[in-house]
């Protein structure tokens, strides 16, 4: 789901939804990750970088932001935040 869709759901169900924005530590790190995967063309990578840069501007509108610096840590943090939301 893109950021606009996520925010629309949050708008319709403000107390019944948890909007989580997961982001790379920086655009440069994201670019490095995409290039190293070797699964996309340079043009596709630039499109993804452009979209990611745009979407990062919406991060502050979400309930929480998880920085995917270390995958295992990001997964655990996301799990804990969702679990706490569901318990509330």
PDB file of N, CA and C in Angstrom:
ATOM      1  N   UNK A   1       0.850  -1.156   0.000  1.00  0.00           N
ATOM      2  CA  UNK A   1       0.000   0.000   0.000  1.00  0.00           C
ATOM      3  C   UNK A   1       0.905   1.231   0.000  1.00  0.00           C
ATOM      4  N   UNK A   2       0.528   2.208  -0.783  1.00  0.00           N
ATOM      5  CA  UNK A   2       1.335   3.432  -0.803  1.00  0.00           C
ATOM      6  C   UNK A   2       0.921   4.352   0.344  1.00  0.00           C
ATOM      7  N   UNK A   3       1.669   5.430   0.523  1.00  0.00           N
ATOM      8  CA  UNK A   3       1.440   6.303   1.675  1.00  0.00           C
ATOM      9  C   UNK A   3       0.069   6.968   1.643  1.00  0.00           C
ATOM     10  N   UNK A   4      -0.392   7.351   0.485  1.00  0.00           N
ATOM     11  CA  UNK A   4      -1.696   8.013   0.393  1.00  0.00           C
ATOM     12  C   UNK A   4      -2.805   7.041   0.794  1.00  0.00           C
ATOM     13  N   UNK A   5      -2.716   5.804   0.336  1.00  0.00           N
ATOM     14  CA  UNK A   5      -3.697   4.789   0.724  1.00  0.00           C
ATOM     15  C   UNK A   5      -3.673   4.537   2.218  1.00  0.00           C
ATOM     16  N   UNK A   6      -2.486   4.449   2.783  1.00  0.00           N
ATOM     17  CA  UNK A   6      -2.363   4.241   4.221  1.00  0.00           C
ATOM     18  C   UNK A   6      -2.967   5.376   5.022  1.00  0.00           C
ATOM     19  N   UNK A   7      -2.717   6.595   4.579  1.00  0.00           N
ATOM     20  CA  UNK A   7      -3.266   7.758   5.288  1.00  0.00           C
ATOM     21  C   UNK A   7      -4.778   7.853   5.121  1.00  0.00           C
ATOM     22  N   UNK A   8      -5.291   7.419   3.980  1.00  0.00           N
ATOM     23  CA  UNK A   8      -6.747   7.410   3.784  1.00  0.00           C
ATOM     24  C   UNK A   8      -7.424   6.432   4.726  1.00  0.00           C
ATOM     25  N   UNK A   9      -6.818   5.266   4.913  1.00  0.00           N
ATOM     26  CA  UNK A   9      -7.375   4.299   5.859  1.00  0.00           C
ATOM     27  C   UNK A   9      -7.346   4.882   7.272  1.00  0.00           C
ATOM     28  N   UNK A  10      -6.229   5.506   7.622  1.00  0.00           N
ATOM     29  CA  UNK A  10      -6.099   6.119   8.946  1.00  0.00           C
ATOM     30  C   UNK A  10      -7.156   7.211   9.141  1.00  0.00           C
ATOM     31  N   UNK A  11      -7.434   7.941   8.100  1.00  0.00           N
ATOM     32  CA  UNK A  11      -8.436   9.012   8.178  1.00  0.00           C
ATOM     33  C   UNK A  11      -9.833   8.429   8.411  1.00  0.00           C
ATOM     34  N   UNK A  12     -10.135   7.300   7.775  1.00  0.00           N
ATOM     35  CA  UNK A  12     -11.452   6.691   7.919  1.00  0.00           C
ATOM     36  C   UNK A  12     -11.626   5.947   9.242  1.00  0.00           C
ATOM     37  N   UNK A  13     -10.529   5.419   9.765  1.00  0.00           N
ATOM     38  CA  UNK A  13     -10.577   4.642  11.007  1.00  0.00           C
ATOM     39  C   UNK A  13      -9.497   5.144  11.976  1.00  0.00           C
ATOM     40  N   UNK A  14      -9.634   6.366  12.457  1.00  0.00           N
ATOM     41  CA  UNK A  14      -8.557   6.982  13.242  1.00  0.00           C
ATOM     42  C   UNK A  14      -8.149   6.216  14.496  1.00  0.00           C
ATOM     43  N   UNK A  15      -9.101   5.666  15.225  1.00  0.00           N
ATOM     44  CA  UNK A  15      -8.724   4.959  16.453  1.00  0.00           C
ATOM     45  C   UNK A  15      -8.605   3.449  16.232  1.00  0.00           C
ATOM     46  N   UNK A  16      -9.056   2.978  15.089  1.00  0.00           N
ATOM     47  CA  UNK A  16      -9.044   1.539  14.818  1.00  0.00           C
ATOM     48  C   UNK A  16      -7.928   1.098  13.899  1.00  0.00           C
ATOM     49  N   UNK A  17      -7.001   1.992  13.626  1.00  0.00           N
ATOM     50  CA  UNK A  17      -5.893   1.629  12.744  1.00  0.00           C
ATOM     51  C   UNK A  17      -4.589   2.198  13.294  1.00  0.00           C
ATOM     52  N   UNK A  18      -3.523   1.560  12.900  1.00  0.00           N
ATOM     53  CA  UNK A  18      -2.189   1.988  13.288  1.00  0.00           C
ATOM     54  C   UNK A  18      -1.400   2.187  12.006  1.00  0.00           C
ATOM     55  N   UNK A  19      -1.038   3.422  11.724  1.00  0.00           N
ATOM     56  CA  UNK A  19      -0.304   3.740  10.508  1.00  0.00           C
ATOM     57  C   UNK A  19       1.195   3.669  10.797  1.00  0.00           C
ATOM     58  N   UNK A  20       1.866   2.699  10.174  1.00  0.00           N
ATOM     59  CA  UNK A  20       3.287   2.474  10.394  1.00  0.00           C
ATOM     60  C   UNK A  20       4.035   2.796   9.104  1.00  0.00           C
ATOM     61  N   UNK A  21       4.987   3.681   9.208  1.00  0.00           N
ATOM     62  CA  UNK A  21       5.820   4.059   8.058  1.00  0.00           C
ATOM     63  C   UNK A  21       7.182   3.408   8.254  1.00  0.00           C
ATOM     64  N   UNK A  22       7.558   2.535   7.343  1.00  0.00           N
ATOM     65  CA  UNK A  22       8.859   1.873   7.419  1.00  0.00           C
ATOM     66  C   UNK A  22       9.748   2.486   6.358  1.00  0.00           C
ATOM     67  N   UNK A  23      10.905   2.979   6.796  1.00  0.00           N
ATOM     68  CA  UNK A  23      11.783   3.677   5.864  1.00  0.00           C
ATOM     69  C   UNK A  23      13.228   3.228   6.002  1.00  0.00           C
ATOM     70  N   UNK A  24      13.952   3.414   4.929  1.00  0.00           N
ATOM     71  CA  UNK A  24      15.391   3.170   4.947  1.00  0.00           C
ATOM     72  C   UNK A  24      16.046   4.290   5.751  1.00  0.00           C
ATOM     73  N   UNK A  25      17.249   4.061   6.261  1.00  0.00           N
ATOM     74  CA  UNK A  25      17.929   5.107   7.025  1.00  0.00           C
ATOM     75  C   UNK A  25      18.135   6.393   6.225  1.00  0.00           C
ATOM     76  N   UNK A  26      18.296   6.269   4.924  1.00  0.00           N
ATOM     77  CA  UNK A  26      18.469   7.437   4.059  1.00  0.00           C
ATOM     78  C   UNK A  26      18.231   7.015   2.614  1.00  0.00           C
ATOM     79  N   UNK A  27      18.085   7.991   1.760  1.00  0.00           N
ATOM     80  CA  UNK A  27      17.918   7.712   0.331  1.00  0.00           C
ATOM     81  C   UNK A  27      19.184   7.063  -0.217  1.00  0.00           C
ATOM     82  N   UNK A  28      20.338   7.484   0.269  1.00  0.00           N
ATOM     83  CA  UNK A  28      21.605   6.915  -0.202  1.00  0.00           C
ATOM     84  C   UNK A  28      21.704   5.436   0.157  1.00  0.00           C
ATOM     85  N   UNK A  29      21.290   5.084   1.370  1.00  0.00           N
ATOM     86  CA  UNK A  29      21.306   3.678   1.791  1.00  0.00           C
ATOM     87  C   UNK A  29      20.339   2.875   0.930  1.00  0.00           C
ATOM     88  N   UNK A  30      19.156   3.425   0.677  1.00  0.00           N
ATOM     89  CA  UNK A  30      18.186   2.746  -0.168  1.00  0.00           C
ATOM     90  C   UNK A  30      18.765   2.508  -1.560  1.00  0.00           C
ATOM     91  N   UNK A  31      19.379   3.518  -2.143  1.00  0.00           N
ATOM     92  CA  UNK A  31      19.978   3.382  -3.471  1.00  0.00           C
ATOM     93  C   UNK A  31      21.038   2.268  -3.457  1.00  0.00           C
ATOM     94  N   UNK A  32      21.884   2.272  -2.441  1.00  0.00           N
ATOM     95  CA  UNK A  32      22.937   1.259  -2.319  1.00  0.00           C
ATOM     96  C   UNK A  32      22.326  -0.143  -2.249  1.00  0.00           C
ATOM     97  N   UNK A  33      21.292  -0.306  -1.461  1.00  0.00           N
ATOM     98  CA  UNK A  33      20.626  -1.608  -1.329  1.00  0.00           C
ATOM     99  C   UNK A  33      20.059  -2.070  -2.663  1.00  0.00           C
ATOM    100  N   UNK A  34      19.386  -1.170  -3.347  1.00  0.00           N
ATOM    101  CA  UNK A  34      18.779  -1.534  -4.627  1.00  0.00           C
ATOM    102  C   UNK A  34      19.825  -1.891  -5.671  1.00  0.00           C
ATOM    103  N   UNK A  35      20.877  -1.114  -5.744  1.00  0.00           N
ATOM    104  CA  UNK A  35      21.951  -1.390  -6.708  1.00  0.00           C
ATOM    105  C   UNK A  35      22.592  -2.738  -6.401  1.00  0.00           C
ATOM    106  N   UNK A  36      22.864  -3.002  -5.122  1.00  0.00           N
ATOM    107  CA  UNK A  36      23.529  -4.252  -4.746  1.00  0.00           C
ATOM    108  C   UNK A  36      22.676  -5.490  -4.992  1.00  0.00           C
ATOM    109  N   UNK A  37      21.373  -5.352  -4.989  1.00  0.00           N
ATOM    110  CA  UNK A  37      20.505  -6.497  -5.286  1.00  0.00           C
ATOM    111  C   UNK A  37      20.699  -6.968  -6.727  1.00  0.00           C
ATOM    112  N   UNK A  38      20.915  -6.001  -7.602  1.00  0.00           N
ATOM    113  CA  UNK A  38      21.122  -6.348  -9.005  1.00  0.00           C
ATOM    114  C   UNK A  38      19.888  -6.888  -9.700  1.00  0.00           C
ATOM    115  N   UNK A  39      18.709  -6.550  -9.217  1.00  0.00           N
ATOM    116  CA  UNK A  39      17.473  -7.091  -9.788  1.00  0.00           C
ATOM    117  C   UNK A  39      16.711  -6.085 -10.653  1.00  0.00           C
ATOM    118  N   UNK A  40      17.159  -4.842 -10.656  1.00  0.00           N
ATOM    119  CA  UNK A  40      16.439  -3.807 -11.389  1.00  0.00           C
ATOM    120  C   UNK A  40      17.404  -2.993 -12.243  1.00  0.00           C
ATOM    121  N   UNK A  41      16.859  -2.433 -13.295  1.00  0.00           N
ATOM    122  CA  UNK A  41      17.669  -1.574 -14.165  1.00  0.00           C
ATOM    123  C   UNK A  41      17.923  -0.241 -13.462  1.00  0.00           C
ATOM    124  N   UNK A  42      18.889   0.496 -13.967  1.00  0.00           N
ATOM    125  CA  UNK A  42      19.187   1.823 -13.412  1.00  0.00           C
ATOM    126  C   UNK A  42      17.947   2.718 -13.477  1.00  0.00           C
ATOM    127  N   UNK A  43      17.195   2.614 -14.551  1.00  0.00           N
ATOM    128  CA  UNK A  43      15.973   3.421 -14.702  1.00  0.00           C
ATOM    129  C   UNK A  43      14.938   3.045 -13.648  1.00  0.00           C
ATOM    130  N   UNK A  44      14.759   1.757 -13.399  1.00  0.00           N
ATOM    131  CA  UNK A  44      13.810   1.308 -12.376  1.00  0.00           C
ATOM    132  C   UNK A  44      14.250   1.775 -10.986  1.00  0.00           C
ATOM    133  N   UNK A  45      15.541   1.709 -10.721  1.00  0.00           N
ATOM    134  CA  UNK A  45      16.059   2.158  -9.432  1.00  0.00           C
ATOM    135  C   UNK A  45      15.785   3.643  -9.247  1.00  0.00           C
ATOM    136  N   UNK A  46      16.021   4.433 -10.271  1.00  0.00           N
ATOM    137  CA  UNK A  46      15.775   5.875 -10.158  1.00  0.00           C
ATOM    138  C   UNK A  46      14.303   6.177  -9.921  1.00  0.00           C
ATOM    139  N   UNK A  47      13.410   5.409 -10.542  1.00  0.00           N
ATOM    140  CA  UNK A  47      11.972   5.590 -10.301  1.00  0.00           C
ATOM    141  C   UNK A  47      11.639   5.275  -8.843  1.00  0.00           C
ATOM    142  N   UNK A  48      12.209   4.200  -8.330  1.00  0.00           N
ATOM    143  CA  UNK A  48      11.946   3.825  -6.942  1.00  0.00           C
ATOM    144  C   UNK A  48      12.523   4.847  -5.969  1.00  0.00           C
ATOM    145  N   UNK A  49      13.700   5.365  -6.274  1.00  0.00           N
ATOM    146  CA  UNK A  49      14.322   6.380  -5.420  1.00  0.00           C
ATOM    147  C   UNK A  49      13.467   7.647  -5.417  1.00  0.00           C
ATOM    148  N   UNK A  50      12.994   8.034  -6.584  1.00  0.00           N
ATOM    149  CA  UNK A  50      12.158   9.229  -6.687  1.00  0.00           C
ATOM    150  C   UNK A  50      10.878   9.061  -5.871  1.00  0.00           C
ATOM    151  N   UNK A  51      10.234   7.901  -6.007  1.00  0.00           N
ATOM    152  CA  UNK A  51       9.003   7.645  -5.254  1.00  0.00           C
ATOM    153  C   UNK A  51       9.283   7.615  -3.758  1.00  0.00           C
ATOM    154  N   UNK A  52      10.374   6.960  -3.360  1.00  0.00           N
ATOM    155  CA  UNK A  52      10.720   6.875  -1.941  1.00  0.00           C
ATOM    156  C   UNK A  52      10.996   8.264  -1.358  1.00  0.00           C
ATOM    157  N   UNK A  53      11.694   9.092  -2.110  1.00  0.00           N
ATOM    158  CA  UNK A  53      11.985  10.451  -1.652  1.00  0.00           C
ATOM    159  C   UNK A  53      10.692  11.223  -1.425  1.00  0.00           C
ATOM    160  N   UNK A  54       9.768  11.088  -2.351  1.00  0.00           N
ATOM    161  CA  UNK A  54       8.458  11.734  -2.231  1.00  0.00           C
ATOM    162  C   UNK A  54       7.716  11.210  -0.999  1.00  0.00           C
ATOM    163  N   UNK A  55       7.679   9.887  -0.859  1.00  0.00           N
ATOM    164  CA  UNK A  55       6.919   9.274   0.224  1.00  0.00           C
ATOM    165  C   UNK A  55       7.512   9.596   1.597  1.00  0.00           C
ATOM    166  N   UNK A  56       8.813   9.772   1.694  1.00  0.00           N
ATOM    167  CA  UNK A  56       9.426  10.091   2.989  1.00  0.00           C
ATOM    168  C   UNK A  56       8.894  11.404   3.552  1.00  0.00           C
ATOM    169  N   UNK A  57       8.399  12.260   2.695  1.00  0.00           N
ATOM    170  CA  UNK A  57       7.806  13.512   3.138  1.00  0.00           C
ATOM    171  C   UNK A  57       6.512  13.326   3.911  1.00  0.00           C
ATOM    172  N   UNK A  58       5.938  12.137   3.846  1.00  0.00           N
ATOM    173  CA  UNK A  58       4.692  11.837   4.548  1.00  0.00           C
ATOM    174  C   UNK A  58       4.917  11.156   5.893  1.00  0.00           C
ATOM    175  N   UNK A  59       6.143  10.803   6.204  1.00  0.00           N
ATOM    176  CA  UNK A  59       6.435   9.997   7.390  1.00  0.00           C
ATOM    177  C   UNK A  59       5.849  10.586   8.674  1.00  0.00           C
ATOM    178  N   UNK A  60       5.943  11.886   8.836  1.00  0.00           N
ATOM    179  CA  UNK A  60       5.471  12.512  10.079  1.00  0.00           C
ATOM    180  C   UNK A  60       3.956  12.426  10.248  1.00  0.00           C
ATOM    181  N   UNK A  61       3.233  12.064   9.213  1.00  0.00           N
ATOM    182  CA  UNK A  61       1.780  11.958   9.286  1.00  0.00           C
ATOM    183  C   UNK A  61       1.336  10.584   9.800  1.00  0.00           C
ATOM    184  N   UNK A  62       2.277   9.665   9.944  1.00  0.00           N
ATOM    185  CA  UNK A  62       1.969   8.322  10.405  1.00  0.00           C
ATOM    186  C   UNK A  62       2.070   8.258  11.924  1.00  0.00           C
ATOM    187  N   UNK A  63       1.471   7.228  12.508  1.00  0.00           N
ATOM    188  CA  UNK A  63       1.494   7.062  13.956  1.00  0.00           C
ATOM    189  C   UNK A  63       2.900   6.764  14.464  1.00  0.00           C
ATOM    190  N   UNK A  64       3.657   6.057  13.654  1.00  0.00           N
ATOM    191  CA  UNK A  64       5.028   5.732  14.043  1.00  0.00           C
ATOM    192  C   UNK A  64       5.876   5.513  12.803  1.00  0.00           C
ATOM    193  N   UNK A  65       7.162   5.746  12.983  1.00  0.00           N
ATOM    194  CA  UNK A  65       8.130   5.550  11.905  1.00  0.00           C
ATOM    195  C   UNK A  65       9.150   4.522  12.394  1.00  0.00           C
ATOM    196  N   UNK A  66       9.327   3.484  11.604  1.00  0.00           N
ATOM    197  CA  UNK A  66      10.322   2.464  11.898  1.00  0.00           C
ATOM    198  C   UNK A  66      11.440   2.625  10.868  1.00  0.00           C
ATOM    199  N   UNK A  67      12.656   2.815  11.339  1.00  0.00           N
ATOM    200  CA  UNK A  67      13.801   2.927  10.437  1.00  0.00           C
ATOM    201  C   UNK A  67      14.381   1.532  10.245  1.00  0.00           C
ATOM    202  N   UNK A  68      14.373   1.073   9.007  1.00  0.00           N
ATOM    203  CA  UNK A  68      14.879  -0.262   8.675  1.00  0.00           C
ATOM    204  C   UNK A  68      16.383  -0.183   8.445  1.00  0.00           C
ATOM    205  N   UNK A  69      17.109  -0.037   9.541  1.00  0.00           N
ATOM    206  CA  UNK A  69      18.569   0.005   9.484  1.00  0.00           C
ATOM    207  C   UNK A  69      19.116  -1.418   9.604  1.00  0.00           C
ATOM    208  N   UNK A  70      18.692  -2.108  10.649  1.00  0.00           N
ATOM    209  CA  UNK A  70      19.026  -3.520  10.843  1.00  0.00           C
ATOM    210  C   UNK A  70      17.702  -4.275  10.762  1.00  0.00           C
ATOM    211  N   UNK A  71      17.561  -5.149   9.780  1.00  0.00           N
ATOM    212  CA  UNK A  71      16.288  -5.800   9.508  1.00  0.00           C
ATOM    213  C   UNK A  71      15.689  -6.463  10.745  1.00  0.00           C
ATOM    214  N   UNK A  72      16.455  -7.230  11.455  1.00  0.00           N
ATOM    215  CA  UNK A  72      15.933  -7.953  12.617  1.00  0.00           C
ATOM    216  C   UNK A  72      15.414  -6.981  13.682  1.00  0.00           C
ATOM    217  N   UNK A  73      16.112  -5.886  13.878  1.00  0.00           N
ATOM    218  CA  UNK A  73      15.689  -4.879  14.848  1.00  0.00           C
ATOM    219  C   UNK A  73      14.398  -4.210  14.386  1.00  0.00           C
ATOM    220  N   UNK A  74      14.310  -3.888  13.107  1.00  0.00           N
ATOM    221  CA  UNK A  74      13.099  -3.257  12.568  1.00  0.00           C
ATOM    222  C   UNK A  74      11.901  -4.186  12.692  1.00  0.00           C
ATOM    223  N   UNK A  75      12.107  -5.465  12.429  1.00  0.00           N
ATOM    224  CA  UNK A  75      11.020  -6.443  12.561  1.00  0.00           C
ATOM    225  C   UNK A  75      10.551  -6.511  14.009  1.00  0.00           C
ATOM    226  N   UNK A  76      11.480  -6.609  14.934  1.00  0.00           N
ATOM    227  CA  UNK A  76      11.125  -6.706  16.349  1.00  0.00           C
ATOM    228  C   UNK A  76      10.410  -5.444  16.829  1.00  0.00           C
ATOM    229  N   UNK A  77      10.918  -4.297  16.439  1.00  0.00           N
ATOM    230  CA  UNK A  77      10.292  -3.037  16.840  1.00  0.00           C
ATOM    231  C   UNK A  77       8.872  -2.930  16.281  1.00  0.00           C
ATOM    232  N   UNK A  78       8.708  -3.317  15.028  1.00  0.00           N
ATOM    233  CA  UNK A  78       7.376  -3.278  14.399  1.00  0.00           C
ATOM    234  C   UNK A  78       6.432  -4.230  15.123  1.00  0.00           C
ATOM    235  N   UNK A  79       6.892  -5.440  15.373  1.00  0.00           N
ATOM    236  CA  UNK A  79       6.079  -6.427  16.079  1.00  0.00           C
ATOM    237  C   UNK A  79       5.639  -5.901  17.437  1.00  0.00           C
ATOM    238  N   UNK A  80       6.561  -5.334  18.200  1.00  0.00           N
ATOM    239  CA  UNK A  80       6.240  -4.826  19.531  1.00  0.00           C
ATOM    240  C   UNK A  80       5.221  -3.687  19.472  1.00  0.00           C
ATOM    241  N   UNK A  81       5.402  -2.781  18.531  1.00  0.00           N
ATOM    242  CA  UNK A  81       4.479  -1.634  18.415  1.00  0.00           C
ATOM    243  C   UNK A  81       3.080  -2.110  18.035  1.00  0.00           C
ATOM    244  N   UNK A  82       2.998  -3.063  17.124  1.00  0.00           N
ATOM    245  CA  UNK A  82       1.689  -3.587  16.721  1.00  0.00           C
ATOM    246  C   UNK A  82       1.053  -4.339  17.876  1.00  0.00           C
ATOM    247  N   UNK A  83       1.841  -5.146  18.569  1.00  0.00           N
ATOM    248  CA  UNK A  83       1.328  -5.878  19.720  1.00  0.00           C
ATOM    249  C   UNK A  83       0.790  -4.915  20.781  1.00  0.00           C
ATOM    250  N   UNK A  84       1.528  -3.851  21.077  1.00  0.00           N
ATOM    251  CA  UNK A  84       1.069  -2.868  22.061  1.00  0.00           C
ATOM    252  C   UNK A  84      -0.217  -2.185  21.599  1.00  0.00           C
ATOM    253  N   UNK A  85      -0.327  -1.881  20.313  1.00  0.00           N
ATOM    254  CA  UNK A  85      -1.529  -1.259  19.774  1.00  0.00           C
ATOM    255  C   UNK A  85      -2.731  -2.187  19.949  1.00  0.00           C
ATOM    256  N   UNK A  86      -2.543  -3.465  19.646  1.00  0.00           N
ATOM    257  CA  UNK A  86      -3.644  -4.423  19.724  1.00  0.00           C
ATOM    258  C   UNK A  86      -4.090  -4.668  21.166  1.00  0.00           C
ATOM    259  N   UNK A  87      -3.177  -4.534  22.112  1.00  0.00           N
ATOM    260  CA  UNK A  87      -3.504  -4.736  23.533  1.00  0.00           C
ATOM    261  C   UNK A  87      -4.262  -3.547  24.116  1.00  0.00           C
ATOM    262  N   UNK A  88      -4.081  -2.382  23.516  1.00  0.00           N
ATOM    263  CA  UNK A  88      -4.685  -1.157  24.070  1.00  0.00           C
ATOM    264  C   UNK A  88      -6.183  -1.115  23.854  1.00  0.00           C
TER     265      UNK A  88
END
